[in-house]
Amino acid sequence: MRFMKKLTAFICTAAVAASALVVNASADEPYIGYNYDWWGDPIPSQNGFVVEDVITGADMGAGTLSEPNDLFLHNDSGKFYIVDTKNNRIVVTDSEFKNAKVISELTYSEAFSENDSKIKKTTFNSPMGVYVRTDKDDHTLIYVADSANERVVAFNEDLEIEMEYVRPSSDVYDSQVTFNPNKVVVDSAFNVYVVVPSITQGAVQFSADGTFNGYYGANRVNATAEVIAQQFWKLIYTREQIIAMRRNVSIEISNVDIDEEGFIYTVTESRTSDTDVIKKLNPAGTNIFTNLGYDEYTYGDFASGRYYKGKSYNNAICDVDIDQDGNIYLLDFATGRVFQYTNECDLLFIFGGLGTQKGTFTSVSAVESYNGKVYVLDSRKNSVTVFKQTEFGGIVQNAIYLFNEGLYDEAKGPWEEVLRRDANYWLAYIGLGNAYLNQGDYSTALDYFYRNSRAGYNRAFKSYRIEFIRANFTWMMTVIIVLILALIIWSYVKKSLAKKKAKKGGTDK
C-alpha cells in the first residue's frame, strides 16, 4: 500500500514537472516553477507569476538609472518612487512607469528655515531609501534616507523640506556610531523608523517632530555554541569575569516595511544566521511571529535546496513587502528570487532568479506589489521588472481569500481546481481538509490532512473520535455495563466456589 502511494506520488510529480515545462516554455520563462512539499523537498510546480515587462529609466522618460537602491509604490496616488542612488535623485512616475518627474533639489520651507535664512536649497547625496505617507487631510510627505548627508529628509509635493531627522544627541545613541540611514518607514502617527546599517539595537525611532525615541525591534542574538556556553559560564563567573567576557551582539536589521494595519515587518540579510530572518512587530516592538511559532519557520529556500546552478549558497533576504491582502513577499539577494507567503507564513510561490534574461536579475535591491503584480528593482541592470499573476496564481489567491474569510465550503471548488492543475500543491490539501472538517466529514478531512498538516490532522482526529463516541455511545455503554456485571457476577461466583471448597475441605478433615 505504501509502495503504491509512493508510486502514485512519483507519477504525479512527473506529470506536474512536464506540465510546468510546457507552461514555462509557452510563457518563455527562463526558470522552471517549483515549490516545497511538507517534508521540505523541492518539487516542480506551476508558476504563480510570469514576466510582463522590463522597464528602464529611458522607458520612463528619466534617462539612464544608476544603481537604484529602493522602490516604493504609493497606493493612494498610484505613483512609483525610485531612489536613483548614483545619480543622487528620486524618480517619480505614474502607475504605468510613464511621465517621469525627477527630484534632485529641495528647498527649505519658511517654517523650517526661519532660524537660518542663509540655507535655501539642498541636494541628495547617495540616497538609499524612500517612503511616502499621506495624512487624513491629503497632505503628503516624502521621506528619503539621504545616507551620505546623514539624515532622513521629509518634504512635501512642492519639494519643500518640512523636517530633517539627524543623528540623535541623546546619550542613548553612541556618539561614535555613524548615522547613515539606509531605509525608512513611517506609521500612521508619523513616527519615523530608520534602518541604519551600523546599529544592532534595532531601528532608530523618531517622533514626528524629530524627537529621538530610542530603538525599535532589535534582533535576538543568534544561539551559537559560544553564546550558549557564555550563558552557562555566567552562572559561575564573578562579576568582573562576566564583564571581561566577549560581548555577543545581534545582527542589524536590513530592511523594513509596514502593512495597512500598522504592523512593522523587518528582515535580516545575514547569510550566517537564521535568527529573526523576518519579524512582525507590534507597537511595543514585540515579534508577533514568535508567539505564533512562525519565527521558527525556514524562509527563502530550504536547507535541502540551497544549491543553485552548480553552486551552494545561503539565503540573504534583502527586502520585504506586504500587499493589500496581507501576503508577504521576501526578496533573496543570493538568488534573485521572490518568495510569496500567506499572512500565516505558508509558502505560495517562488519566481525570479539570477541571470541576464528577461525575468532574471544580477543584483536585486527592492520589491513592491499591488493588485496581482510584483515589481522588482535591479541595481545593476538599472531596471524594474514587472511580474503579473498567472491564471493558476489567481485561483490560489481566490482560494486563500475564501479560506481566510472562513468560507471553507466556498473555497472547496478553487482548492479542487488547484489540485487538478498541480497535484503537488500541498496547501490545497490543507484547504480541502478544512473544508471537509467544516462540513463534518472527518474521515475525508483526515485523508487530506495526512502528511500535509499535523495540526489539521490532530483537529480532524479529535472531532472524528468525538463523533464516533457519540454515534456508538449506546452500544459502547451497553458493552461496558455487561462487562462490569459479568465481572461482578464472576467475582461473586468465584467467592462462593471458594467458600464451598473451604467448607468441604474442613469437613473432610
Protein backbone atom coordinates (compact mmCIF):
# COMPACT_ATOMS: atom_id res chain seq x y z
CA MET A 1 0.00 0.00 0.00
CA ARG A 2 2.79 2.37 0.94
CA PHE A 3 4.64 1.44 -2.25
CA MET A 4 1.55 2.31 -4.31
CA LYS A 5 1.29 5.70 -2.59
CA LYS A 6 4.92 6.45 -3.37
CA LEU A 7 4.48 5.30 -6.97
CA THR A 8 1.38 7.49 -7.35
CA ALA A 9 3.22 10.48 -5.86
CA PHE A 10 6.12 9.91 -8.29
CA ILE A 11 3.80 9.76 -11.30
CA CYS A 12 2.00 12.93 -10.16
CA THR A 13 5.33 14.71 -9.70
CA ALA A 14 6.46 13.70 -13.18
CA ALA A 15 3.19 14.86 -14.68
CA VAL A 16 3.40 18.22 -12.92
CA ALA A 17 7.01 18.61 -13.99
CA ALA A 18 6.01 18.02 -17.61
CA SER A 19 3.10 20.46 -17.36
CA ALA A 20 5.35 23.02 -15.66
CA LEU A 21 7.84 22.72 -18.51
CA VAL A 22 5.07 23.23 -21.03
CA VAL A 23 3.68 26.24 -19.15
CA ASN A 24 7.12 27.80 -18.83
CA ALA A 25 8.01 27.14 -22.43
CA SER A 26 4.83 28.79 -23.64
CA ALA A 27 5.38 31.73 -21.33
CA ASP A 28 9.06 31.93 -22.33
CA GLU A 29 10.13 31.95 -18.69
CA PRO A 30 13.88 31.46 -18.01
CA TYR A 31 13.16 29.34 -14.93
CA ILE A 32 11.05 26.31 -14.04
CA GLY A 33 8.47 26.83 -11.31
CA TYR A 34 9.00 24.89 -8.10
CA ASN A 35 7.80 24.76 -4.53
CA TYR A 36 8.46 22.69 -1.41
CA ASP A 37 6.45 19.79 -0.07
CA TRP A 38 5.62 19.12 3.57
CA TRP A 39 8.97 17.34 4.07
CA GLY A 40 10.93 20.31 2.77
CA ASP A 41 11.90 18.77 -0.56
CA PRO A 42 11.77 20.87 -3.75
CA ILE A 43 9.13 19.72 -6.23
CA PRO A 44 8.02 21.04 -9.65
CA SER A 45 5.09 23.45 -9.52
CA GLN A 46 3.21 25.80 -11.79
CA ASN A 47 4.29 29.42 -11.78
CA GLY A 48 2.15 31.88 -9.87
CA PHE A 49 3.78 34.86 -11.62
CA VAL A 50 5.30 35.45 -15.05
CA VAL A 51 7.15 38.39 -16.55
CA GLU A 52 5.03 41.11 -18.06
CA ASP A 53 7.59 43.82 -18.79
CA VAL A 54 11.06 45.16 -18.04
CA ILE A 55 11.27 48.93 -17.72
CA THR A 56 14.37 51.12 -17.86
CA GLY A 57 14.88 54.74 -16.92
CA ALA A 58 14.75 55.65 -20.60
CA ASP A 59 11.32 53.99 -20.89
CA MET A 60 10.15 56.18 -18.02
CA GLY A 61 11.50 59.32 -19.64
CA ALA A 62 14.09 59.86 -16.91
CA GLY A 63 17.28 58.87 -18.71
CA THR A 64 19.54 56.07 -17.51
CA LEU A 65 19.24 54.96 -13.89
CA SER A 66 22.47 54.34 -12.00
CA GLU A 67 22.49 51.77 -9.16
CA PRO A 68 18.93 52.39 -7.93
CA ASN A 69 18.51 51.05 -4.40
CA ASP A 70 14.87 51.39 -3.46
CA LEU A 71 11.40 51.31 -4.97
CA PHE A 72 8.17 52.45 -3.33
CA LEU A 73 4.59 52.32 -4.60
CA HIS A 74 2.27 54.90 -3.03
CA ASN A 75 -1.12 53.19 -3.13
CA ASP A 76 -3.11 56.39 -2.60
CA SER A 77 -1.75 58.08 -5.71
CA GLY A 78 -0.54 55.07 -7.73
CA LYS A 79 2.86 56.71 -8.12
CA PHE A 80 6.19 54.90 -8.07
CA TYR A 81 9.19 56.43 -6.31
CA ILE A 82 12.61 55.14 -7.36
CA VAL A 83 15.77 56.00 -5.43
CA ASP A 84 18.37 56.55 -8.15
CA THR A 85 21.37 56.41 -5.83
CA LYS A 86 24.38 57.18 -8.02
CA ASN A 87 22.51 59.97 -9.83
CA ASN A 88 21.55 61.48 -6.45
CA ARG A 89 17.88 61.83 -7.31
CA ILE A 90 14.39 60.45 -6.83
CA VAL A 91 12.44 59.44 -9.95
CA VAL A 92 8.65 59.64 -9.67
CA THR A 93 6.41 58.01 -12.29
CA ASP A 94 2.76 57.12 -12.73
CA SER A 95 1.37 53.59 -12.34
CA GLU A 96 2.47 52.70 -15.90
CA PHE A 97 6.02 53.96 -15.34
CA LYS A 98 5.38 56.94 -17.63
CA ASN A 99 5.58 60.73 -17.28
CA ALA A 100 8.64 60.64 -15.05
CA LYS A 101 9.42 63.52 -12.76
CA VAL A 102 12.94 63.91 -11.36
CA ILE A 103 13.61 65.27 -7.87
CA SER A 104 17.22 66.25 -7.31
CA GLU A 105 16.97 69.54 -5.41
CA LEU A 106 14.86 70.63 -2.45
CA THR A 107 14.11 73.96 -0.83
CA TYR A 108 13.56 74.59 2.86
CA SER A 109 10.08 75.74 3.84
CA GLU A 110 9.82 79.10 5.61
CA ALA A 111 8.80 77.47 8.87
CA PHE A 112 11.81 75.17 8.80
CA SER A 113 14.41 77.78 7.77
CA GLU A 114 13.23 80.79 9.77
CA ASN A 115 16.17 80.41 12.18
CA ASP A 116 18.72 80.31 9.40
CA SER A 117 17.68 82.33 6.37
CA LYS A 118 21.01 81.63 4.64
CA ILE A 119 20.06 78.00 3.94
CA LYS A 120 17.71 77.84 1.00
CA LYS A 121 18.40 74.74 -1.08
CA THR A 122 19.91 71.30 -0.71
CA THR A 123 20.58 68.20 -2.81
CA PHE A 124 20.75 64.47 -2.12
CA ASN A 125 23.98 62.61 -1.52
CA SER A 126 23.78 58.84 -2.09
CA PRO A 127 20.11 58.40 -1.15
CA MET A 128 19.26 54.79 -0.24
CA GLY A 129 15.57 54.55 0.74
CA VAL A 130 12.20 56.24 0.28
CA TYR A 131 8.77 56.14 1.90
CA VAL A 132 5.63 58.19 1.26
CA ARG A 133 2.82 58.85 3.75
CA THR A 134 -0.45 60.81 3.27
CA ASP A 135 -2.46 62.00 6.26
CA LYS A 136 -6.25 62.28 6.58
CA ASP A 137 -6.13 65.82 5.17
CA ASP A 138 -4.42 64.55 1.98
CA HIS A 139 -1.13 66.15 2.99
CA THR A 140 1.64 64.02 1.53
CA LEU A 141 5.20 63.83 2.80
CA ILE A 142 8.06 62.06 1.02
CA TYR A 143 10.76 60.65 3.32
CA VAL A 144 14.19 59.95 1.85
CA ALA A 145 17.05 58.17 3.66
CA ASP A 146 19.77 60.54 2.46
CA SER A 147 22.66 58.35 3.51
CA ALA A 148 25.83 60.37 2.82
CA ASN A 149 24.15 63.53 4.13
CA GLU A 150 23.49 61.62 7.38
CA ARG A 151 19.82 62.47 7.55
CA VAL A 152 16.30 61.45 6.68
CA VAL A 153 14.67 64.37 4.93
CA ALA A 154 10.88 64.83 4.80
CA PHE A 155 9.47 67.09 2.12
CA ASN A 156 6.09 67.87 0.57
CA GLU A 157 4.93 67.64 -3.03
CA ASP A 158 6.10 71.22 -3.59
CA LEU A 159 9.61 69.92 -2.80
CA GLU A 160 9.78 71.96 0.41
CA ILE A 161 11.56 70.38 3.37
CA GLU A 162 9.34 70.20 6.44
CA MET A 163 11.57 68.14 8.73
CA GLU A 164 15.01 66.58 8.94
CA TYR A 165 15.86 63.61 11.14
CA VAL A 166 19.57 63.62 12.01
CA ARG A 167 21.97 61.91 14.39
CA PRO A 168 20.37 61.90 17.87
CA SER A 169 22.17 63.94 20.53
CA SER A 170 20.88 61.66 23.30
CA ASP A 171 23.35 59.74 25.47
CA VAL A 172 21.47 56.58 24.49
CA TYR A 173 22.83 56.96 20.95
CA ASP A 174 26.54 56.15 20.83
CA SER A 175 28.36 59.24 19.58
CA GLN A 176 30.97 57.01 17.92
CA VAL A 177 28.36 55.31 15.73
CA THR A 178 27.73 56.83 12.32
CA PHE A 179 24.24 57.86 11.25
CA ASN A 180 23.97 56.79 7.63
CA PRO A 181 20.28 55.97 7.06
CA ASN A 182 19.61 53.12 4.68
CA LYS A 183 15.83 52.54 4.77
CA VAL A 184 12.86 54.32 6.33
CA VAL A 185 9.17 53.72 7.06
CA VAL A 186 6.56 55.92 8.74
CA ASP A 187 3.49 54.83 10.71
CA SER A 188 0.04 56.44 10.77
CA ALA A 189 1.08 58.71 13.66
CA PHE A 190 4.05 59.87 11.53
CA ASN A 191 6.59 58.22 13.80
CA VAL A 192 9.70 57.57 11.73
CA TYR A 193 11.66 54.28 11.82
CA VAL A 194 15.13 54.42 10.31
CA VAL A 195 17.34 51.44 9.43
CA VAL A 196 20.99 52.29 9.99
CA PRO A 197 23.46 49.57 8.89
CA SER A 198 25.91 50.17 11.74
CA ILE A 199 23.32 49.85 14.52
CA THR A 200 22.46 46.46 16.05
CA GLN A 201 19.92 47.66 18.65
CA GLY A 202 17.13 47.88 16.08
CA ALA A 203 15.64 50.68 14.01
CA VAL A 204 16.21 54.25 15.18
CA GLN A 205 12.82 55.70 16.10
CA PHE A 206 11.82 59.38 15.92
CA SER A 207 8.53 61.10 16.67
CA ALA A 208 7.03 63.34 14.00
CA ASP A 209 8.74 66.44 15.44
CA GLY A 210 12.18 64.83 15.28
CA THR A 211 12.47 63.71 18.90
CA PHE A 212 14.61 60.60 19.31
CA ASN A 213 12.50 57.86 20.95
CA GLY A 214 15.12 55.13 21.21
CA TYR A 215 15.47 51.86 19.33
CA TYR A 216 12.78 49.58 17.98
CA GLY A 217 12.63 45.86 17.19
CA ALA A 218 16.18 44.67 17.82
CA ASN A 219 17.05 41.18 16.59
CA ARG A 220 17.89 38.41 19.03
CA VAL A 221 21.43 37.16 19.38
CA ASN A 222 21.97 34.07 17.26
CA ALA A 223 22.07 31.00 19.52
CA THR A 224 25.54 29.78 18.58
CA ALA A 225 27.58 27.33 20.67
CA GLU A 226 29.60 30.26 22.01
CA VAL A 227 26.50 32.13 23.15
CA ILE A 228 25.10 29.03 24.87
CA ALA A 229 28.44 28.42 26.58
CA GLN A 230 28.57 32.01 27.79
CA GLN A 231 25.12 31.65 29.36
CA PHE A 232 26.46 28.68 31.32
CA TRP A 233 29.65 30.41 32.50
CA LYS A 234 27.68 33.46 33.62
CA LEU A 235 26.14 31.25 36.28
CA ILE A 236 29.63 30.55 37.67
CA TYR A 237 31.82 33.56 36.91
CA THR A 238 32.29 36.59 39.13
CA ARG A 239 31.00 39.99 38.04
CA GLU A 240 34.50 41.04 36.90
CA GLN A 241 34.90 37.89 34.83
CA ILE A 242 31.49 38.41 33.20
CA ILE A 243 32.41 41.99 32.27
CA ALA A 244 35.66 40.72 30.71
CA MET A 245 33.79 38.23 28.52
CA ARG A 246 33.49 39.00 24.83
CA ARG A 247 30.13 40.55 24.08
CA ASN A 248 27.82 38.89 21.57
CA VAL A 249 25.56 41.29 19.73
CA SER A 250 22.59 40.78 17.47
CA ILE A 251 22.74 41.29 13.73
CA GLU A 252 21.44 44.58 12.39
CA ILE A 253 18.13 44.90 10.54
CA SER A 254 18.48 45.06 6.74
CA ASN A 255 15.11 46.35 5.59
CA VAL A 256 11.65 47.26 6.82
CA ASP A 257 8.03 47.61 5.68
CA ILE A 258 4.68 48.40 7.28
CA ASP A 259 1.26 46.90 6.49
CA GLU A 260 -2.17 48.55 6.34
CA GLU A 261 -2.88 47.66 9.98
CA GLY A 262 0.28 49.38 11.20
CA PHE A 263 2.38 46.29 11.94
CA ILE A 264 6.04 46.74 11.05
CA TYR A 265 7.98 43.94 9.35
CA THR A 266 11.76 43.69 9.41
CA VAL A 267 14.15 41.37 7.59
CA THR A 268 17.77 40.43 8.19
CA GLU A 269 20.08 39.73 5.28
CA SER A 270 22.76 37.79 7.19
CA ARG A 271 24.00 34.67 5.42
CA THR A 272 25.38 33.20 8.65
CA SER A 273 22.28 33.39 10.87
CA ASP A 274 18.72 32.10 10.59
CA THR A 275 17.58 34.05 13.65
CA ASP A 276 14.87 36.68 13.05
CA VAL A 277 15.05 36.46 9.25
CA ILE A 278 11.62 38.12 9.28
CA LYS A 279 9.71 39.68 12.17
CA LYS A 280 6.22 41.15 12.51
CA LEU A 281 6.32 43.79 15.22
CA ASN A 282 3.52 45.36 17.23
CA PRO A 283 3.75 48.97 18.56
CA ALA A 284 5.73 47.73 21.57
CA GLY A 285 8.35 46.18 19.26
CA THR A 286 7.38 42.60 20.16
CA ASN A 287 7.66 39.98 17.43
CA ILE A 288 4.18 38.53 16.92
CA PHE A 289 5.60 35.68 14.85
CA THR A 290 7.37 34.39 17.97
CA ASN A 291 4.09 33.85 19.81
CA LEU A 292 2.58 32.14 16.75
CA GLY A 293 5.65 29.97 16.16
CA TYR A 294 6.26 31.42 12.70
CA ASP A 295 9.74 32.68 13.58
CA GLU A 296 10.86 29.03 13.67
CA TYR A 297 9.95 28.55 10.01
CA THR A 298 12.52 28.43 7.22
CA TYR A 299 12.26 31.41 4.89
CA GLY A 300 13.65 31.51 1.40
CA ASP A 301 14.99 28.23 0.07
CA PHE A 302 15.05 25.30 2.49
CA ALA A 303 18.36 23.79 3.57
CA SER A 304 17.92 20.86 1.20
CA GLY A 305 17.52 23.17 -1.78
CA ARG A 306 20.36 25.61 -1.28
CA TYR A 307 22.22 24.54 -4.40
CA TYR A 308 21.73 26.72 -7.43
CA LYS A 309 23.38 26.48 -10.86
CA GLY A 310 26.22 24.32 -9.54
CA LYS A 311 26.95 26.49 -6.51
CA SER A 312 25.94 26.23 -2.87
CA TYR A 313 24.61 29.37 -1.17
CA ASN A 314 22.85 30.78 1.88
CA ASN A 315 19.71 32.87 1.78
CA ALA A 316 20.16 36.64 2.03
CA ILE A 317 16.72 38.24 2.41
CA CYS A 318 17.26 41.89 1.50
CA ASP A 319 13.72 43.28 1.27
CA VAL A 320 10.14 42.61 2.38
CA ASP A 321 6.80 43.84 1.09
CA ILE A 322 3.24 43.32 2.35
CA ASP A 323 0.40 43.63 -0.15
CA GLN A 324 -3.18 44.76 0.50
CA ASP A 325 -4.28 41.17 1.18
CA GLY A 326 -1.59 40.58 3.79
CA ASN A 327 0.59 38.40 1.55
CA ILE A 328 4.29 38.64 2.32
CA TYR A 329 6.97 38.96 -0.38
CA LEU A 330 10.61 38.27 0.51
CA LEU A 331 13.41 39.15 -1.89
CA ASP A 332 16.54 36.97 -1.80
CA PHE A 333 19.70 38.79 -2.86
CA ALA A 334 21.63 35.49 -3.10
CA THR A 335 19.49 34.04 -5.90
CA GLY A 336 17.37 36.95 -7.13
CA ARG A 337 14.23 35.02 -6.23
CA VAL A 338 10.97 36.33 -4.83
CA PHE A 339 9.17 34.18 -2.25
CA GLN A 340 5.48 34.83 -1.72
CA TYR A 341 3.87 33.76 1.58
CA THR A 342 0.41 33.99 3.09
CA ASN A 343 -0.13 36.17 6.18
CA GLU A 344 0.42 32.97 8.18
CA CYS A 345 3.80 32.40 6.52
CA ASP A 346 2.75 29.47 4.30
CA LEU A 347 4.81 29.44 1.12
CA LEU A 348 2.73 30.13 -2.01
CA PHE A 349 5.07 30.77 -4.96
CA ILE A 350 8.72 31.19 -5.92
CA PHE A 351 9.79 33.11 -9.01
CA GLY A 352 12.73 35.03 -10.46
CA GLY A 353 16.38 34.02 -10.38
CA LEU A 354 19.89 35.06 -11.37
CA GLY A 355 20.79 35.68 -14.98
CA THR A 356 20.70 38.15 -17.83
CA GLN A 357 17.44 37.01 -19.39
CA LYS A 358 14.11 38.71 -19.02
CA GLY A 359 12.70 37.76 -15.64
CA THR A 360 16.09 37.15 -14.01
CA PHE A 361 18.40 39.54 -12.18
CA THR A 362 22.00 40.36 -11.39
CA SER A 363 21.63 42.40 -8.19
CA VAL A 364 18.14 42.75 -6.74
CA SER A 365 17.55 45.65 -4.34
CA ALA A 366 13.80 46.14 -3.77
CA VAL A 367 10.37 44.51 -4.21
CA GLU A 368 6.88 46.02 -4.29
CA SER A 369 3.45 44.52 -5.03
CA TYR A 370 -0.08 45.66 -5.79
CA ASN A 371 -3.23 44.20 -7.37
CA GLY A 372 -1.70 40.94 -8.53
CA LYS A 373 1.52 42.47 -9.84
CA VAL A 374 5.02 42.34 -8.36
CA TYR A 375 7.76 44.85 -9.14
CA VAL A 376 11.46 44.01 -8.64
CA LEU A 377 14.23 46.59 -8.85
CA ASP A 378 17.67 45.53 -10.12
CA SER A 379 20.51 47.89 -9.17
CA ARG A 380 22.88 46.57 -11.84
CA LYS A 381 20.50 46.15 -14.71
CA ASN A 382 19.12 49.57 -13.71
CA SER A 383 15.60 48.43 -14.44
CA VAL A 384 12.26 47.42 -12.92
CA THR A 385 10.83 44.00 -13.83
CA VAL A 386 7.05 43.68 -13.68
CA PHE A 387 5.56 40.26 -12.91
CA LYS A 388 1.87 39.54 -13.44
CA GLN A 389 -0.18 36.88 -11.73
CA THR A 390 -0.95 33.75 -13.78
CA GLU A 391 -4.37 32.12 -14.01
CA PHE A 392 -3.16 29.44 -11.63
CA GLY A 393 -1.89 32.08 -9.22
CA GLY A 394 -5.27 33.81 -9.33
CA ILE A 395 -7.10 30.58 -8.45
CA VAL A 396 -4.78 30.05 -5.47
CA GLN A 397 -5.29 33.64 -4.30
CA ASN A 398 -9.06 33.28 -4.55
CA ALA A 399 -8.93 30.08 -2.51
CA ILE A 400 -6.69 31.78 0.07
CA TYR A 401 -9.09 34.73 0.31
CA LEU A 402 -12.11 32.48 0.90
CA PHE A 403 -10.07 30.40 3.34
CA ASN A 404 -9.04 33.49 5.36
CA GLU A 405 -12.66 34.67 5.46
CA GLY A 406 -13.64 31.35 7.00
CA LEU A 407 -15.65 30.38 3.89
CA TYR A 408 -14.22 26.88 3.77
CA ASP A 409 -17.12 25.39 1.80
CA GLU A 410 -16.85 28.13 -0.84
CA ALA A 411 -13.08 27.62 -1.00
CA LYS A 412 -13.54 23.92 -1.76
CA GLY A 413 -14.09 24.43 -5.50
CA PRO A 414 -11.00 26.61 -6.07
CA TRP A 415 -8.82 24.25 -4.00
CA GLU A 416 -10.03 21.27 -6.07
CA GLU A 417 -9.18 23.21 -9.23
CA VAL A 418 -5.71 23.90 -7.84
CA LEU A 419 -5.13 20.16 -7.30
CA ARG A 420 -6.39 19.37 -10.79
CA ARG A 421 -3.69 21.66 -12.15
CA ASP A 422 -0.95 20.81 -9.65
CA ALA A 423 -1.29 17.60 -7.62
CA ASN A 424 1.78 18.53 -5.54
CA TYR A 425 0.41 21.81 -4.20
CA TRP A 426 0.27 20.78 -0.53
CA LEU A 427 -1.52 23.93 0.68
CA ALA A 428 -4.57 22.84 -1.33
CA TYR A 429 -4.73 19.63 0.68
CA ILE A 430 -4.89 21.68 3.86
CA GLY A 431 -7.61 23.91 2.38
CA LEU A 432 -9.71 20.91 1.37
CA GLY A 433 -9.05 19.29 4.73
CA ASN A 434 -10.50 22.36 6.44
CA ALA A 435 -13.47 22.37 4.06
CA TYR A 436 -14.37 18.76 4.88
CA LEU A 437 -13.66 19.35 8.55
CA ASN A 438 -16.12 22.25 8.48
CA GLN A 439 -18.70 20.00 6.78
CA GLY A 440 -18.29 17.35 9.47
CA ASP A 441 -16.77 14.80 7.09
CA TYR A 442 -13.90 13.99 9.43
CA SER A 443 -12.81 10.81 7.67
CA THR A 444 -12.21 12.65 4.38
CA ALA A 445 -10.58 15.53 6.26
CA LEU A 446 -8.12 13.05 7.77
CA ASP A 447 -7.19 11.84 4.28
CA TYR A 448 -6.39 15.39 3.11
CA PHE A 449 -4.53 16.39 6.28
CA TYR A 450 -2.46 13.20 6.31
CA ARG A 451 1.21 14.09 5.67
CA ASN A 452 0.25 17.70 4.93
CA SER A 453 -0.76 19.18 8.27
CA ARG A 454 -0.09 17.65 11.65
CA ALA A 455 -2.19 20.29 13.40
CA GLY A 456 -5.07 19.78 10.96
CA TYR A 457 -4.84 16.01 11.31
CA ASN A 458 -4.99 16.29 15.10
CA ARG A 459 -8.09 18.53 14.93
CA ALA A 460 -9.83 16.18 12.49
CA PHE A 461 -8.92 13.09 14.53
CA LYS A 462 -10.22 14.68 17.73
CA SER A 463 -13.53 15.53 16.02
CA TYR A 464 -13.65 12.07 14.42
CA ARG A 465 -13.14 10.44 17.82
CA ILE A 466 -15.87 12.54 19.46
CA GLU A 467 -18.30 11.78 16.61
CA PHE A 468 -17.53 8.06 16.82
CA ILE A 469 -18.17 8.02 20.57
CA ARG A 470 -21.46 9.90 20.17
CA ALA A 471 -22.67 7.65 17.36
CA ASN A 472 -21.80 4.47 19.22
CA PHE A 473 -22.38 5.59 22.80
CA THR A 474 -25.40 3.33 23.45
CA TRP A 475 -23.87 0.02 22.46
CA MET A 476 -20.48 1.00 23.93
CA MET A 477 -22.12 1.72 27.29
CA THR A 478 -24.14 -1.48 26.98
CA VAL A 479 -20.98 -3.49 26.42
CA ILE A 480 -19.26 -1.72 29.31
CA ILE A 481 -22.20 -2.33 31.67
CA VAL A 482 -22.43 -6.00 30.59
CA LEU A 483 -18.72 -6.42 31.18
CA ILE A 484 -18.99 -4.78 34.62
CA LEU A 485 -21.96 -7.01 35.55
CA ALA A 486 -20.13 -10.06 34.23
CA LEU A 487 -17.12 -9.17 36.36
CA ILE A 488 -19.33 -8.68 39.43
CA ILE A 489 -21.14 -12.00 38.85
CA TRP A 490 -17.88 -13.78 38.15
CA SER A 491 -16.40 -12.34 41.33
CA TYR A 492 -19.46 -13.43 43.33
CA VAL A 493 -19.39 -16.92 41.80
CA LYS A 494 -15.66 -17.20 42.38
CA LYS A 495 -16.05 -16.25 46.07
CA SER A 496 -18.97 -18.69 46.50
CA LEU A 497 -16.98 -21.52 44.98
CA ALA A 498 -14.04 -20.64 47.19
CA LYS A 499 -16.23 -20.76 50.34
CA LYS A 500 -17.78 -24.10 49.35
CA LYS A 501 -14.35 -25.53 48.68
CA ALA A 502 -13.11 -24.25 52.04
CA LYS A 503 -16.09 -25.81 53.87
CA LYS A 504 -15.68 -29.08 52.04
CA GLY A 505 -12.03 -29.17 52.96
CA GLY A 506 -12.89 -28.60 56.66
CA THR A 507 -15.49 -31.43 56.67
CA ASP A 508 -13.01 -33.86 55.15
CA LYS A 509 -10.62 -33.22 57.98
